Amino acid sequence: MTGTQPQRVARLMADLLIHPNYLVPYFKTNITTATPLALELPWISYAAIDFLNDFAKPEMSVFEYGSGGSTLFFARRCASVLSIEDNASWFDKMQRRLAEAKLDNVVLQHRLFDFKLGAAFEASAYLNSIPDHKFDIILVDSSEEALQVRPRCFYHAENFIREGGIIVVDDSWRYLELRGKNRAKKCRVFQSVGPCRPGVTSTDIFFY
């Protein structure tokens, strides 16, 4: 999150005082070579992970802009996961990891796009990769090479979320405008430390 280094350290200390249950996992994942993919955890705030662990149900379907530890996390808890990945090397790594985990309820698709192309993104196979049906959970965790990619994915995803479903936006502190401009019934901000990241982050969950 934004701020000077002293401000970030102060924010971290304050957050760990508020959420002492995250103290051990925070330091454990930051002094080892563990990754969210190895841990099978979304690379978002622990507060949001705790919520998703309770929210996700075996009958639910999930769509992801961006694959990773979240893909395995949802695959272990939900009926199906469709995950879109733009990075070819990460796509190959994800395929191997899913095969190792023997998870057959995940469809992983490679949709290459140069996010620096700007307006062309609206017509891209990446943005328009959501099939024409409703999902229970949509995670927006796409590339951040261009900071307006996730908002554009978010607004497109709103057309495909089921009533009672949620859209999850990672690193939401970058996209504060979404909190005031959306079709959701409500938005909750989950701010805390997260796995394998040095400081505090926020994850917004929109309820439909």
Protein backbone atom coordinates (compact mmCIF):
# COMPACT_ATOMS: atom_id res chain seq x y z
CA MET A 1 0.00 0.00 0.00
CA THR A 2 1.01 3.64 -0.41
CA GLY A 3 3.05 5.68 2.07
CA THR A 4 6.62 6.13 3.27
CA GLN A 5 8.57 3.19 4.64
CA PRO A 6 7.97 4.27 8.29
CA GLN A 7 4.25 4.61 7.53
CA ARG A 8 4.16 1.12 6.00
CA VAL A 9 5.97 -0.38 9.00
CA ALA A 10 3.59 1.40 11.40
CA ARG A 11 0.61 0.10 9.38
CA LEU A 12 2.03 -3.42 9.53
CA MET A 13 2.56 -3.32 13.29
CA ALA A 14 -0.93 -1.90 13.87
CA ASP A 15 -2.50 -4.57 11.69
CA LEU A 16 -0.74 -7.41 13.50
CA LEU A 17 -1.97 -5.98 16.80
CA ILE A 18 -5.52 -5.96 15.44
CA HIS A 19 -5.15 -9.44 13.92
CA PRO A 20 -2.78 -11.35 16.23
CA ASN A 21 -3.94 -14.64 14.67
CA TYR A 22 -2.10 -13.63 11.48
CA LEU A 23 1.22 -13.09 13.26
CA VAL A 24 2.55 -16.64 12.94
CA PRO A 25 1.45 -17.28 9.33
CA TYR A 26 2.74 -13.83 8.31
CA PHE A 27 6.26 -14.37 9.63
CA LYS A 28 6.29 -18.03 8.61
CA THR A 29 5.60 -17.25 4.94
CA ASN A 30 7.97 -14.29 4.87
CA ILE A 31 11.06 -16.07 6.23
CA THR A 32 10.72 -19.15 4.03
CA THR A 33 10.69 -19.74 0.28
CA ALA A 34 7.03 -20.75 0.36
CA THR A 35 4.78 -19.27 -2.33
CA PRO A 36 1.00 -18.83 -2.47
CA LEU A 37 0.96 -21.50 -5.18
CA ALA A 38 2.76 -24.00 -2.93
CA LEU A 39 0.53 -23.02 0.00
CA GLU A 40 -2.61 -23.25 -2.18
CA LEU A 41 -3.71 -19.83 -0.98
CA PRO A 42 -4.93 -16.75 -2.87
CA TRP A 43 -2.32 -13.97 -2.90
CA ILE A 44 -4.71 -11.60 -1.15
CA SER A 45 -5.28 -10.47 2.45
CA TYR A 46 -5.65 -13.14 5.13
CA ALA A 47 -8.88 -11.45 6.22
CA ALA A 48 -10.36 -12.05 2.76
CA ILE A 49 -9.01 -15.62 2.69
CA ASP A 50 -10.77 -16.34 5.99
CA PHE A 51 -14.04 -15.01 4.55
CA LEU A 52 -13.69 -17.02 1.33
CA ASN A 53 -12.91 -20.18 3.25
CA ASP A 54 -16.34 -19.88 4.90
CA PHE A 55 -18.19 -18.57 1.83
CA ALA A 56 -17.03 -21.13 -0.75
CA LYS A 57 -19.34 -24.15 -1.07
CA PRO A 58 -19.01 -27.50 -2.94
CA GLU A 59 -21.76 -26.61 -5.44
CA MET A 60 -20.28 -23.25 -6.49
CA SER A 61 -18.65 -22.27 -9.77
CA VAL A 62 -15.66 -19.90 -9.91
CA PHE A 63 -14.14 -17.71 -12.62
CA GLU A 64 -10.70 -16.12 -12.28
CA TYR A 65 -8.92 -13.40 -14.19
CA GLY A 66 -5.42 -14.60 -13.29
CA SER A 67 -4.39 -18.01 -11.97
CA GLY A 68 -2.28 -19.04 -8.98
CA GLY A 69 -2.68 -20.33 -5.45
CA SER A 70 -6.30 -19.16 -5.58
CA THR A 71 -6.99 -21.64 -8.38
CA LEU A 72 -6.09 -24.59 -6.16
CA PHE A 73 -7.78 -22.98 -3.15
CA PHE A 74 -11.11 -22.79 -4.98
CA ALA A 75 -10.68 -26.15 -6.69
CA ARG A 76 -10.44 -27.81 -3.27
CA ARG A 77 -13.67 -26.16 -2.12
CA CYS A 78 -15.93 -25.62 -5.15
CA ALA A 79 -17.44 -27.63 -8.00
CA SER A 80 -15.57 -25.96 -10.85
CA VAL A 81 -12.96 -23.30 -11.59
CA LEU A 82 -12.34 -21.58 -14.92
CA SER A 83 -9.10 -19.59 -14.79
CA ILE A 84 -7.69 -17.31 -17.49
CA GLU A 85 -3.95 -16.70 -17.69
CA ASP A 86 -2.05 -14.31 -19.97
CA ASN A 87 1.52 -15.32 -19.05
CA ALA A 88 2.70 -18.35 -21.05
CA SER A 89 5.40 -19.53 -18.64
CA TRP A 90 3.07 -19.19 -15.65
CA PHE A 91 0.36 -21.02 -17.59
CA ASP A 92 2.74 -23.95 -18.12
CA LYS A 93 3.72 -23.92 -14.44
CA MET A 94 0.07 -23.89 -13.40
CA GLN A 95 -0.71 -26.83 -15.66
CA ARG A 96 2.06 -28.86 -14.05
CA ARG A 97 0.94 -27.89 -10.54
CA LEU A 98 -2.69 -28.80 -11.24
CA ALA A 99 -1.59 -32.17 -12.66
CA GLU A 100 0.52 -32.82 -9.55
CA ALA A 101 -2.46 -31.97 -7.36
CA LYS A 102 -4.70 -34.25 -9.48
CA LEU A 103 -7.42 -31.63 -9.67
CA ASP A 104 -9.77 -32.36 -12.55
CA ASN A 105 -12.37 -29.66 -11.87
CA VAL A 106 -10.21 -26.81 -13.20
CA VAL A 107 -10.18 -25.47 -16.76
CA LEU A 108 -7.09 -23.32 -17.32
CA GLN A 109 -6.99 -21.23 -20.49
CA HIS A 110 -4.11 -19.23 -21.96
CA ARG A 111 -5.25 -15.90 -23.40
CA LEU A 112 -2.22 -13.89 -24.45
CA PHE A 113 -2.59 -10.11 -24.49
CA ASP A 114 -0.18 -7.18 -24.41
CA PHE A 115 -1.77 -5.03 -21.70
CA LYS A 116 0.11 -1.99 -22.98
CA LEU A 117 -2.13 -1.89 -26.06
CA GLY A 118 -4.77 0.07 -24.19
CA ALA A 119 -8.11 0.37 -25.98
CA ALA A 120 -7.64 -2.92 -27.84
CA PHE A 121 -8.21 -4.66 -24.51
CA GLU A 122 -11.98 -4.17 -24.81
CA ALA A 123 -12.09 -6.56 -27.77
CA SER A 124 -9.46 -8.96 -26.45
CA ALA A 125 -9.99 -12.69 -25.94
CA TYR A 126 -8.64 -12.18 -22.42
CA LEU A 127 -11.32 -9.75 -21.27
CA ASN A 128 -14.09 -11.58 -23.11
CA SER A 129 -13.11 -15.05 -21.94
CA ILE A 130 -16.04 -15.36 -19.50
CA PRO A 131 -18.60 -17.77 -20.99
CA ASP A 132 -22.21 -16.67 -21.22
CA HIS A 133 -23.46 -17.95 -17.89
CA LYS A 134 -23.41 -16.86 -14.25
CA PHE A 135 -20.74 -17.64 -11.65
CA ASP A 136 -20.94 -17.71 -7.86
CA ILE A 137 -17.45 -16.29 -7.32
CA ILE A 138 -15.34 -14.17 -9.68
CA LEU A 139 -11.78 -13.23 -8.72
CA VAL A 140 -10.18 -10.23 -10.44
CA ASP A 141 -6.45 -10.73 -9.98
CA SER A 142 -5.12 -9.99 -13.46
CA SER A 143 -1.86 -8.41 -14.55
CA GLU A 144 -1.12 -4.94 -13.20
CA GLU A 145 1.16 -3.78 -16.01
CA ALA A 146 -1.57 -1.28 -16.77
CA LEU A 147 -3.44 -0.16 -13.66
CA GLN A 148 -6.83 0.06 -15.37
CA VAL A 149 -6.88 -3.61 -16.39
CA ARG A 150 -8.50 -4.82 -13.17
CA PRO A 151 -11.28 -2.17 -13.16
CA ARG A 152 -12.13 -3.07 -16.75
CA CYS A 153 -12.19 -6.76 -15.86
CA PHE A 154 -14.34 -5.95 -12.83
CA TYR A 155 -16.98 -4.05 -14.79
CA HIS A 156 -17.13 -6.77 -17.43
CA ALA A 157 -17.42 -9.45 -14.74
CA GLU A 158 -20.47 -7.74 -13.23
CA ASN A 159 -22.46 -9.04 -16.21
CA PHE A 160 -21.70 -12.64 -15.23
CA ILE A 161 -22.17 -12.82 -11.46
CA ARG A 162 -25.08 -14.79 -10.05
CA GLU A 163 -27.51 -13.25 -7.56
CA GLY A 164 -26.02 -14.01 -4.16
CA GLY A 165 -22.55 -14.23 -5.69
CA ILE A 166 -19.43 -12.17 -5.07
CA ILE A 167 -16.67 -10.47 -7.04
CA VAL A 168 -13.26 -10.31 -5.33
CA VAL A 169 -10.79 -7.57 -6.31
CA ASP A 170 -7.17 -7.99 -5.21
CA ASP A 171 -4.99 -5.01 -4.19
CA SER A 172 -8.15 -2.93 -4.02
CA TRP A 173 -6.33 0.06 -2.52
CA ARG A 174 -5.20 0.78 -6.09
CA TYR A 175 -8.79 0.98 -7.35
CA LEU A 176 -10.72 2.94 -4.75
CA GLU A 177 -13.12 4.27 -7.40
CA LEU A 178 -14.73 0.83 -7.66
CA ARG A 179 -16.16 1.18 -4.14
CA GLY A 180 -18.35 4.06 -5.27
CA LYS A 181 -19.17 2.90 -8.77
CA ASN A 182 -20.55 -0.63 -9.04
CA ARG A 183 -23.81 -2.61 -9.26
CA ALA A 184 -23.25 -4.52 -6.02
CA LYS A 185 -25.65 -4.54 -3.09
CA LYS A 186 -22.72 -3.84 -0.80
CA CYS A 187 -18.92 -3.85 -0.67
CA ARG A 188 -16.72 -5.00 2.20
CA VAL A 189 -13.05 -4.09 2.58
CA PHE A 190 -10.80 -6.82 4.01
CA GLN A 191 -7.53 -5.17 5.03
CA SER A 192 -4.71 -7.17 6.62
CA VAL A 193 -1.39 -8.82 5.92
CA GLY A 194 -1.39 -11.69 3.44
CA PRO A 195 0.68 -14.75 2.58
CA CYS A 196 4.16 -14.14 1.15
CA ARG A 197 3.89 -10.35 1.02
CA PRO A 198 5.82 -7.89 3.18
CA GLY A 199 3.10 -5.47 4.18
CA VAL A 200 -0.59 -4.78 4.56
CA THR A 201 -2.94 -4.98 1.61
CA SER A 202 -6.67 -4.67 1.04
CA THR A 203 -9.03 -6.97 -0.81
CA ASP A 204 -12.54 -5.75 -1.67
CA ILE A 205 -15.45 -8.17 -1.95
CA PHE A 206 -18.60 -7.03 -3.75
CA PHE A 207 -21.91 -8.75 -2.93
CA TYR A 208 -24.63 -9.12 -5.58
